[in-house]
Amino acid sequence: MTRIPGAELLFGGKLLEGHRIPDRYGAMEPTAVRTPLDALSGMYFDQITTELFGPFQIIVSYGDDDLPIVLDVLERMSQHLLVSCPSNGST
């Protein structure tokens, strides 16, 4: 995921040690990656929205003017496993 232009690892990203989970499941430490909105809404959509199991977060910052893009991205997701879409704006 950090190969996406502008994406950055915030924490985690390491394989778990001392477990009995089969390697094919890719057991990882809790991980968070920040990715640009234009990457999520553009050519990296499928890669960023691939369903993962585990404590994994994709963090995307957006502004008021980006709301139509954010709503479009949310509608395009097939899993609809969004935990939250926080905003510091008022309603």
C-alpha atoms as a PDB file:
ATOM      1  CA  MET A   1       0.000   0.000   0.000  1.00  0.00           C
ATOM      2  CA  THR A   2       2.830   2.424   0.666  1.00  0.00           C
ATOM      3  CA  ARG A   3       3.853   2.054  -2.984  1.00  0.00           C
ATOM      4  CA  ILE A   4       0.894   4.281  -3.811  1.00  0.00           C
ATOM      5  CA  PRO A   5       2.155   7.817  -4.491  1.00  0.00           C
ATOM      6  CA  GLY A   6       1.595   9.979  -1.417  1.00  0.00           C
ATOM      7  CA  ALA A   7       0.682   7.054   0.880  1.00  0.00           C
ATOM      8  CA  GLU A   8       2.500   6.669   4.174  1.00  0.00           C
ATOM      9  CA  LEU A   9       2.636   4.068   6.913  1.00  0.00           C
ATOM     10  CA  LEU A  10       1.463   5.621  10.190  1.00  0.00           C
ATOM     11  CA  PHE A  11       2.113   2.603  12.403  1.00  0.00           C
ATOM     12  CA  GLY A  12       2.388  -1.188  12.268  1.00  0.00           C
ATOM     13  CA  GLY A  13       3.041  -2.878   8.959  1.00  0.00           C
ATOM     14  CA  LYS A  14       5.026  -5.723  10.497  1.00  0.00           C
ATOM     15  CA  LEU A  15       4.217  -9.423  10.547  1.00  0.00           C
ATOM     16  CA  LEU A  16       3.164 -10.870  13.887  1.00  0.00           C
ATOM     17  CA  GLU A  17       5.666 -13.074  15.617  1.00  0.00           C
ATOM     18  CA  GLY A  18       5.053 -16.115  17.820  1.00  0.00           C
ATOM     19  CA  HIS A  19       1.613 -17.047  16.487  1.00  0.00           C
ATOM     20  CA  ARG A  20       0.066 -20.141  14.918  1.00  0.00           C
ATOM     21  CA  ILE A  21      -1.914 -18.393  12.180  1.00  0.00           C
ATOM     22  CA  PRO A  22      -1.198 -19.933   8.745  1.00  0.00           C
ATOM     23  CA  ASP A  23       1.092 -17.705   6.645  1.00  0.00           C
ATOM     24  CA  ARG A  24      -1.470 -17.483   3.848  1.00  0.00           C
ATOM     25  CA  TYR A  25      -3.586 -15.213   6.095  1.00  0.00           C
ATOM     26  CA  GLY A  26      -0.792 -12.658   6.504  1.00  0.00           C
ATOM     27  CA  ALA A  27      -1.134 -12.001  10.237  1.00  0.00           C
ATOM     28  CA  MET A  28       0.086  -8.460  10.894  1.00  0.00           C
ATOM     29  CA  GLU A  29       0.361  -6.043  13.786  1.00  0.00           C
ATOM     30  CA  PRO A  30      -2.385  -3.407  13.969  1.00  0.00           C
ATOM     31  CA  THR A  31      -1.611  -1.146  11.022  1.00  0.00           C
ATOM     32  CA  ALA A  32      -2.682   2.255   9.716  1.00  0.00           C
ATOM     33  CA  VAL A  33      -1.870   3.739   6.320  1.00  0.00           C
ATOM     34  CA  ARG A  34      -2.696   7.271   5.195  1.00  0.00           C
ATOM     35  CA  THR A  35      -3.525   7.569   1.509  1.00  0.00           C
ATOM     36  CA  PRO A  36      -4.425  10.625  -0.587  1.00  0.00           C
ATOM     37  CA  LEU A  37      -8.061  11.040  -1.598  1.00  0.00           C
ATOM     38  CA  ASP A  38      -7.112  11.269  -5.273  1.00  0.00           C
ATOM     39  CA  ALA A  39      -5.431   7.834  -5.045  1.00  0.00           C
ATOM     40  CA  LEU A  40      -8.527   6.335  -3.398  1.00  0.00           C
ATOM     41  CA  SER A  41     -10.900   7.890  -5.913  1.00  0.00           C
ATOM     42  CA  GLY A  42      -8.639   7.143  -8.883  1.00  0.00           C
ATOM     43  CA  MET A  43      -6.534   4.334 -10.271  1.00  0.00           C
ATOM     44  CA  TYR A  44      -5.714   2.799  -6.848  1.00  0.00           C
ATOM     45  CA  PHE A  45      -9.340   2.353  -5.768  1.00  0.00           C
ATOM     46  CA  ASP A  46      -9.343  -1.451  -6.113  1.00  0.00           C
ATOM     47  CA  GLN A  47      -6.024  -1.855  -4.324  1.00  0.00           C
ATOM     48  CA  ILE A  48      -6.988   0.418  -1.426  1.00  0.00           C
ATOM     49  CA  THR A  49     -10.471  -1.059  -0.975  1.00  0.00           C
ATOM     50  CA  THR A  50      -9.480  -4.731  -1.094  1.00  0.00           C
ATOM     51  CA  GLU A  51     -11.131  -6.397   1.893  1.00  0.00           C
ATOM     52  CA  LEU A  52      -8.721  -7.235   4.698  1.00  0.00           C
ATOM     53  CA  PHE A  53      -9.303  -9.092   7.934  1.00  0.00           C
ATOM     54  CA  GLY A  54      -7.747  -7.672  11.031  1.00  0.00           C
ATOM     55  CA  PRO A  55      -6.885  -4.424  12.700  1.00  0.00           C
ATOM     56  CA  PHE A  56      -6.085  -2.429   9.569  1.00  0.00           C
ATOM     57  CA  GLN A  57      -7.006   1.203   8.910  1.00  0.00           C
ATOM     58  CA  ILE A  58      -6.949   3.306   5.777  1.00  0.00           C
ATOM     59  CA  ILE A  59      -6.927   6.992   6.711  1.00  0.00           C
ATOM     60  CA  VAL A  60      -7.912   9.591   4.119  1.00  0.00           C
ATOM     61  CA  SER A  61      -8.047  13.321   4.799  1.00  0.00           C
ATOM     62  CA  TYR A  62     -10.623  15.416   2.992  1.00  0.00           C
ATOM     63  CA  GLY A  63     -12.074  18.902   3.072  1.00  0.00           C
ATOM     64  CA  ASP A  64     -15.536  20.382   2.615  1.00  0.00           C
ATOM     65  CA  ASP A  65     -15.018  20.758  -1.133  1.00  0.00           C
ATOM     66  CA  ASP A  66     -14.151  17.042  -1.385  1.00  0.00           C
ATOM     67  CA  LEU A  67     -17.487  15.775  -0.058  1.00  0.00           C
ATOM     68  CA  PRO A  68     -18.889  14.766  -3.500  1.00  0.00           C
ATOM     69  CA  ILE A  69     -15.729  12.713  -4.148  1.00  0.00           C
ATOM     70  CA  VAL A  70     -15.915  11.089  -0.688  1.00  0.00           C
ATOM     71  CA  LEU A  71     -19.570  10.156  -1.202  1.00  0.00           C
ATOM     72  CA  ASP A  72     -18.794   8.724  -4.647  1.00  0.00           C
ATOM     73  CA  VAL A  73     -15.968   6.593  -3.208  1.00  0.00           C
ATOM     74  CA  LEU A  74     -18.233   5.303  -0.418  1.00  0.00           C
ATOM     75  CA  GLU A  75     -20.925   4.359  -2.940  1.00  0.00           C
ATOM     76  CA  ARG A  76     -18.383   2.519  -5.138  1.00  0.00           C
ATOM     77  CA  MET A  77     -17.214   0.260  -2.288  1.00  0.00           C
ATOM     78  CA  SER A  78     -18.819  -3.181  -2.485  1.00  0.00           C
ATOM     79  CA  GLN A  79     -17.953  -4.358   1.045  1.00  0.00           C
ATOM     80  CA  HIS A  80     -19.476  -1.416   2.934  1.00  0.00           C
ATOM     81  CA  LEU A  81     -17.355  -2.266   5.960  1.00  0.00           C
ATOM     82  CA  LEU A  82     -16.726   1.359   6.782  1.00  0.00           C
ATOM     83  CA  VAL A  83     -16.362   1.774  10.517  1.00  0.00           C
ATOM     84  CA  SER A  84     -16.436   5.553  10.562  1.00  0.00           C
ATOM     85  CA  CYS A  85     -16.271   8.616   8.408  1.00  0.00           C
ATOM     86  CA  PRO A  86     -15.494  11.320  10.982  1.00  0.00           C
ATOM     87  CA  SER A  87     -15.653  15.004  10.276  1.00  0.00           C
ATOM     88  CA  ASN A  88     -14.893  18.052  12.346  1.00  0.00           C
ATOM     89  CA  GLY A  89     -17.640  20.005  10.568  1.00  0.00           C
ATOM     90  CA  SER A  90     -20.982  20.918  12.045  1.00  0.00           C
ATOM     91  CA  THR A  91     -24.361  19.773  10.810  1.00  0.00           C
END
